[in-house]
Amino acid sequence: NGCKLKHRKLHLNIRKHFAVRVAIHLNRLPREAVDSPSLEIFKTQLDMVLGNVL
């Protein structure tokens, strides 16, 4: 039973800090990708950025 309690606490911490972790990654993206007017353009820009990283 102690294992279940620890698992729940970890799960809550992940949910609590999700927005902070997403904001950190969004801040690393170029302005063109973040300010894209549509989801398709965002995906294209993201693919280009990730292609340059790898």
PDB file of N, CA and C in Angstrom:
ATOM      1  N   ASN A   1       0.813  -1.202   0.000  1.00  0.00           N
ATOM      2  CA  ASN A   1       0.000   0.000   0.000  1.00  0.00           C
ATOM      3  C   ASN A   1       0.853   1.263   0.000  1.00  0.00           C
ATOM      4  N   GLY A   2       2.026   1.206   0.603  1.00  0.00           N
ATOM      5  CA  GLY A   2       2.904   2.369   0.615  1.00  0.00           C
ATOM      6  C   GLY A   2       3.346   2.766  -0.781  1.00  0.00           C
ATOM      7  N   CYS A   3       3.485   1.795  -1.645  1.00  0.00           N
ATOM      8  CA  CYS A   3       3.893   2.063  -3.025  1.00  0.00           C
ATOM      9  C   CYS A   3       2.816   2.865  -3.760  1.00  0.00           C
ATOM     10  N   LYS A   4       1.564   2.549  -3.513  1.00  0.00           N
ATOM     11  CA  LYS A   4       0.477   3.270  -4.167  1.00  0.00           C
ATOM     12  C   LYS A   4       0.469   4.738  -3.761  1.00  0.00           C
ATOM     13  N   LEU A   5       0.739   5.014  -2.510  1.00  0.00           N
ATOM     14  CA  LEU A   5       0.751   6.399  -2.052  1.00  0.00           C
ATOM     15  C   LEU A   5       1.864   7.191  -2.716  1.00  0.00           C
ATOM     16  N   LYS A   6       3.035   6.603  -2.844  1.00  0.00           N
ATOM     17  CA  LYS A   6       4.150   7.293  -3.496  1.00  0.00           C
ATOM     18  C   LYS A   6       3.842   7.537  -4.966  1.00  0.00           C
ATOM     19  N   HIS A   7       3.219   6.565  -5.626  1.00  0.00           N
ATOM     20  CA  HIS A   7       2.881   6.709  -7.039  1.00  0.00           C
ATOM     21  C   HIS A   7       1.908   7.873  -7.239  1.00  0.00           C
ATOM     22  N   ARG A   8       0.908   7.980  -6.384  1.00  0.00           N
ATOM     23  CA  ARG A   8      -0.060   9.074  -6.485  1.00  0.00           C
ATOM     24  C   ARG A   8       0.622  10.430  -6.297  1.00  0.00           C
ATOM     25  N   LYS A   9       1.541  10.525  -5.352  1.00  0.00           N
ATOM     26  CA  LYS A   9       2.220  11.791  -5.092  1.00  0.00           C
ATOM     27  C   LYS A   9       3.046  12.202  -6.309  1.00  0.00           C
ATOM     28  N   LEU A  10       3.750  11.267  -6.916  1.00  0.00           N
ATOM     29  CA  LEU A  10       4.534  11.560  -8.109  1.00  0.00           C
ATOM     30  C   LEU A  10       3.622  12.021  -9.239  1.00  0.00           C
ATOM     31  N   HIS A  11       2.505  11.345  -9.402  1.00  0.00           N
ATOM     32  CA  HIS A  11       1.558  11.704 -10.454  1.00  0.00           C
ATOM     33  C   HIS A  11       1.050  13.131 -10.259  1.00  0.00           C
ATOM     34  N   LEU A  12       0.753  13.513  -9.049  1.00  0.00           N
ATOM     35  CA  LEU A  12       0.268  14.864  -8.781  1.00  0.00           C
ATOM     36  C   LEU A  12       1.344  15.905  -9.054  1.00  0.00           C
ATOM     37  N   ASN A  13       2.593  15.601  -8.738  1.00  0.00           N
ATOM     38  CA  ASN A  13       3.682  16.549  -9.003  1.00  0.00           C
ATOM     39  C   ASN A  13       3.871  16.759 -10.497  1.00  0.00           C
ATOM     40  N   ILE A  14       3.737  15.699 -11.276  1.00  0.00           N
ATOM     41  CA  ILE A  14       3.883  15.822 -12.727  1.00  0.00           C
ATOM     42  C   ILE A  14       2.782  16.715 -13.284  1.00  0.00           C
ATOM     43  N   ARG A  15       1.554  16.508 -12.825  1.00  0.00           N
ATOM     44  CA  ARG A  15       0.440  17.329 -13.302  1.00  0.00           C
ATOM     45  C   ARG A  15       0.584  18.782 -12.871  1.00  0.00           C
ATOM     46  N   LYS A  16       1.071  18.994 -11.666  1.00  0.00           N
ATOM     47  CA  LYS A  16       1.165  20.351 -11.127  1.00  0.00           C
ATOM     48  C   LYS A  16       2.158  21.191 -11.928  1.00  0.00           C
ATOM     49  N   HIS A  17       3.243  20.622 -12.346  1.00  0.00           N
ATOM     50  CA  HIS A  17       4.308  21.372 -13.007  1.00  0.00           C
ATOM     51  C   HIS A  17       4.297  21.217 -14.530  1.00  0.00           C
ATOM     52  N   PHE A  18       3.223  20.684 -15.096  1.00  0.00           N
ATOM     53  CA  PHE A  18       3.153  20.462 -16.536  1.00  0.00           C
ATOM     54  C   PHE A  18       3.280  21.770 -17.314  1.00  0.00           C
ATOM     55  N   ALA A  19       2.546  22.788 -16.916  1.00  0.00           N
ATOM     56  CA  ALA A  19       2.565  24.061 -17.637  1.00  0.00           C
ATOM     57  C   ALA A  19       3.945  24.703 -17.601  1.00  0.00           C
ATOM     58  N   VAL A  20       4.640  24.570 -16.502  1.00  0.00           N
ATOM     59  CA  VAL A  20       5.987  25.137 -16.386  1.00  0.00           C
ATOM     60  C   VAL A  20       6.931  24.434 -17.351  1.00  0.00           C
ATOM     61  N   ARG A  21       6.836  23.111 -17.418  1.00  0.00           N
ATOM     62  CA  ARG A  21       7.718  22.365 -18.313  1.00  0.00           C
ATOM     63  C   ARG A  21       7.423  22.668 -19.772  1.00  0.00           C
ATOM     64  N   VAL A  22       6.156  22.829 -20.120  1.00  0.00           N
ATOM     65  CA  VAL A  22       5.795  23.162 -21.497  1.00  0.00           C
ATOM     66  C   VAL A  22       6.308  24.553 -21.849  1.00  0.00           C
ATOM     67  N   ALA A  23       6.179  25.505 -20.939  1.00  0.00           N
ATOM     68  CA  ALA A  23       6.631  26.874 -21.195  1.00  0.00           C
ATOM     69  C   ALA A  23       8.134  26.920 -21.432  1.00  0.00           C
ATOM     70  N   ILE A  24       8.885  26.111 -20.727  1.00  0.00           N
ATOM     71  CA  ILE A  24      10.338  26.073 -20.916  1.00  0.00           C
ATOM     72  C   ILE A  24      10.671  25.651 -22.342  1.00  0.00           C
ATOM     73  N   HIS A  25       9.984  24.629 -22.846  1.00  0.00           N
ATOM     74  CA  HIS A  25      10.253  24.155 -24.206  1.00  0.00           C
ATOM     75  C   HIS A  25       9.745  25.140 -25.254  1.00  0.00           C
ATOM     76  N   LEU A  26       8.617  25.783 -24.998  1.00  0.00           N
ATOM     77  CA  LEU A  26       8.108  26.776 -25.946  1.00  0.00           C
ATOM     78  C   LEU A  26       9.057  27.967 -26.052  1.00  0.00           C
ATOM     79  N   ASN A  27       9.688  28.339 -24.959  1.00  0.00           N
ATOM     80  CA  ASN A  27      10.619  29.467 -24.985  1.00  0.00           C
ATOM     81  C   ASN A  27      11.862  29.163 -25.807  1.00  0.00           C
ATOM     82  N   ARG A  28      12.169  27.906 -26.017  1.00  0.00           N
ATOM     83  CA  ARG A  28      13.344  27.529 -26.806  1.00  0.00           C
ATOM     84  C   ARG A  28      13.070  27.521 -28.306  1.00  0.00           C
ATOM     85  N   LEU A  29      11.793  27.525 -28.684  1.00  0.00           N
ATOM     86  CA  LEU A  29      11.438  27.492 -30.102  1.00  0.00           C
ATOM     87  C   LEU A  29      11.624  28.865 -30.735  1.00  0.00           C
ATOM     88  N   PRO A  30      11.895  28.892 -32.045  1.00  0.00           N
ATOM     89  CA  PRO A  30      11.992  30.181 -32.726  1.00  0.00           C
ATOM     90  C   PRO A  30      10.634  30.891 -32.751  1.00  0.00           C
ATOM     91  N   ARG A  31      10.659  32.179 -32.865  1.00  0.00           N
ATOM     92  CA  ARG A  31       9.434  32.994 -32.842  1.00  0.00           C
ATOM     93  C   ARG A  31       8.480  32.591 -33.971  1.00  0.00           C
ATOM     94  N   GLU A  32       9.011  32.219 -35.143  1.00  0.00           N
ATOM     95  CA  GLU A  32       8.162  31.852 -36.278  1.00  0.00           C
ATOM     96  C   GLU A  32       7.295  30.641 -35.958  1.00  0.00           C
ATOM     97  N   ALA A  33       7.849  29.701 -35.209  1.00  0.00           N
ATOM     98  CA  ALA A  33       7.091  28.496 -34.865  1.00  0.00           C
ATOM     99  C   ALA A  33       6.015  28.803 -33.830  1.00  0.00           C
ATOM    100  N   VAL A  34       6.340  29.601 -32.845  1.00  0.00           N
ATOM    101  CA  VAL A  34       5.392  29.886 -31.766  1.00  0.00           C
ATOM    102  C   VAL A  34       4.248  30.767 -32.261  1.00  0.00           C
ATOM    103  N   ASP A  35       4.540  31.723 -33.115  1.00  0.00           N
ATOM    104  CA  ASP A  35       3.522  32.668 -33.589  1.00  0.00           C
ATOM    105  C   ASP A  35       2.820  32.209 -34.858  1.00  0.00           C
ATOM    106  N   SER A  36       2.934  30.955 -35.224  1.00  0.00           N
ATOM    107  CA  SER A  36       2.321  30.477 -36.459  1.00  0.00           C
ATOM    108  C   SER A  36       0.799  30.556 -36.370  1.00  0.00           C
ATOM    109  N   PRO A  37       0.158  30.942 -37.483  1.00  0.00           N
ATOM    110  CA  PRO A  37      -1.295  31.155 -37.458  1.00  0.00           C
ATOM    111  C   PRO A  37      -2.127  29.877 -37.445  1.00  0.00           C
ATOM    112  N   SER A  38      -1.560  28.756 -37.852  1.00  0.00           N
ATOM    113  CA  SER A  38      -2.346  27.522 -37.875  1.00  0.00           C
ATOM    114  C   SER A  38      -1.519  26.362 -37.331  1.00  0.00           C
ATOM    115  N   LEU A  39      -2.212  25.295 -37.019  1.00  0.00           N
ATOM    116  CA  LEU A  39      -1.552  24.112 -36.477  1.00  0.00           C
ATOM    117  C   LEU A  39      -0.645  23.469 -37.516  1.00  0.00           C
ATOM    118  N   GLU A  40      -1.062  23.453 -38.756  1.00  0.00           N
ATOM    119  CA  GLU A  40      -0.245  22.849 -39.813  1.00  0.00           C
ATOM    120  C   GLU A  40       1.074  23.600 -39.990  1.00  0.00           C
ATOM    121  N   ILE A  41       1.035  24.904 -39.959  1.00  0.00           N
ATOM    122  CA  ILE A  41       2.265  25.698 -40.081  1.00  0.00           C
ATOM    123  C   ILE A  41       3.146  25.471 -38.860  1.00  0.00           C
ATOM    124  N   PHE A  42       2.531  25.391 -37.678  1.00  0.00           N
ATOM    125  CA  PHE A  42       3.293  25.109 -36.466  1.00  0.00           C
ATOM    126  C   PHE A  42       3.997  23.764 -36.577  1.00  0.00           C
ATOM    127  N   LYS A  43       3.298  22.745 -37.068  1.00  0.00           N
ATOM    128  CA  LYS A  43       3.903  21.420 -37.218  1.00  0.00           C
ATOM    129  C   LYS A  43       5.066  21.458 -38.199  1.00  0.00           C
ATOM    130  N   THR A  44       4.902  22.191 -39.285  1.00  0.00           N
ATOM    131  CA  THR A  44       5.977  22.307 -40.275  1.00  0.00           C
ATOM    132  C   THR A  44       7.200  22.983 -39.665  1.00  0.00           C
ATOM    133  N   GLN A  45       6.976  24.077 -38.959  1.00  0.00           N
ATOM    134  CA  GLN A  45       8.079  24.792 -38.310  1.00  0.00           C
ATOM    135  C   GLN A  45       8.755  23.915 -37.259  1.00  0.00           C
ATOM    136  N   LEU A  46       7.943  23.179 -36.498  1.00  0.00           N
ATOM    137  CA  LEU A  46       8.488  22.301 -35.463  1.00  0.00           C
ATOM    138  C   LEU A  46       9.331  21.195 -36.082  1.00  0.00           C
ATOM    139  N   ASP A  47       8.874  20.631 -37.195  1.00  0.00           N
ATOM    140  CA  ASP A  47       9.652  19.601 -37.885  1.00  0.00           C
ATOM    141  C   ASP A  47      10.996  20.151 -38.353  1.00  0.00           C
ATOM    142  N   MET A  48      10.998  21.387 -38.843  1.00  0.00           N
ATOM    143  CA  MET A  48      12.252  21.988 -39.295  1.00  0.00           C
ATOM    144  C   MET A  48      13.199  22.208 -38.124  1.00  0.00           C
ATOM    145  N   VAL A  49      12.678  22.680 -37.000  1.00  0.00           N
ATOM    146  CA  VAL A  49      13.516  22.926 -35.822  1.00  0.00           C
ATOM    147  C   VAL A  49      14.080  21.615 -35.296  1.00  0.00           C
ATOM    148  N   LEU A  50      13.237  20.605 -35.185  1.00  0.00           N
ATOM    149  CA  LEU A  50      13.700  19.316 -34.671  1.00  0.00           C
ATOM    150  C   LEU A  50      14.660  18.640 -35.641  1.00  0.00           C
ATOM    151  N   GLY A  51      14.477  18.861 -36.928  1.00  0.00           N
ATOM    152  CA  GLY A  51      15.402  18.312 -37.914  1.00  0.00           C
ATOM    153  C   GLY A  51      16.787  18.920 -37.783  1.00  0.00           C
ATOM    154  N   ASN A  52      16.854  20.193 -37.429  1.00  0.00           N
ATOM    155  CA  ASN A  52      18.145  20.854 -37.237  1.00  0.00           C
ATOM    156  C   ASN A  52      18.829  20.398 -35.960  1.00  0.00           C
ATOM    157  N   VAL A  53      18.039  20.020 -34.955  1.00  0.00           N
ATOM    158  CA  VAL A  53      18.603  19.585 -33.674  1.00  0.00           C
ATOM    159  C   VAL A  53      19.210  18.200 -33.809  1.00  0.00           C
ATOM    160  N   LEU A  54      18.509  17.333 -34.528  1.00  0.00           N
ATOM    161  CA  LEU A  54      18.979  15.952 -34.672  1.00  0.00           C
ATOM    162  C   LEU A  54      19.961  15.881 -35.750  1.00  0.00           C
TER     163      LEU A  54
END
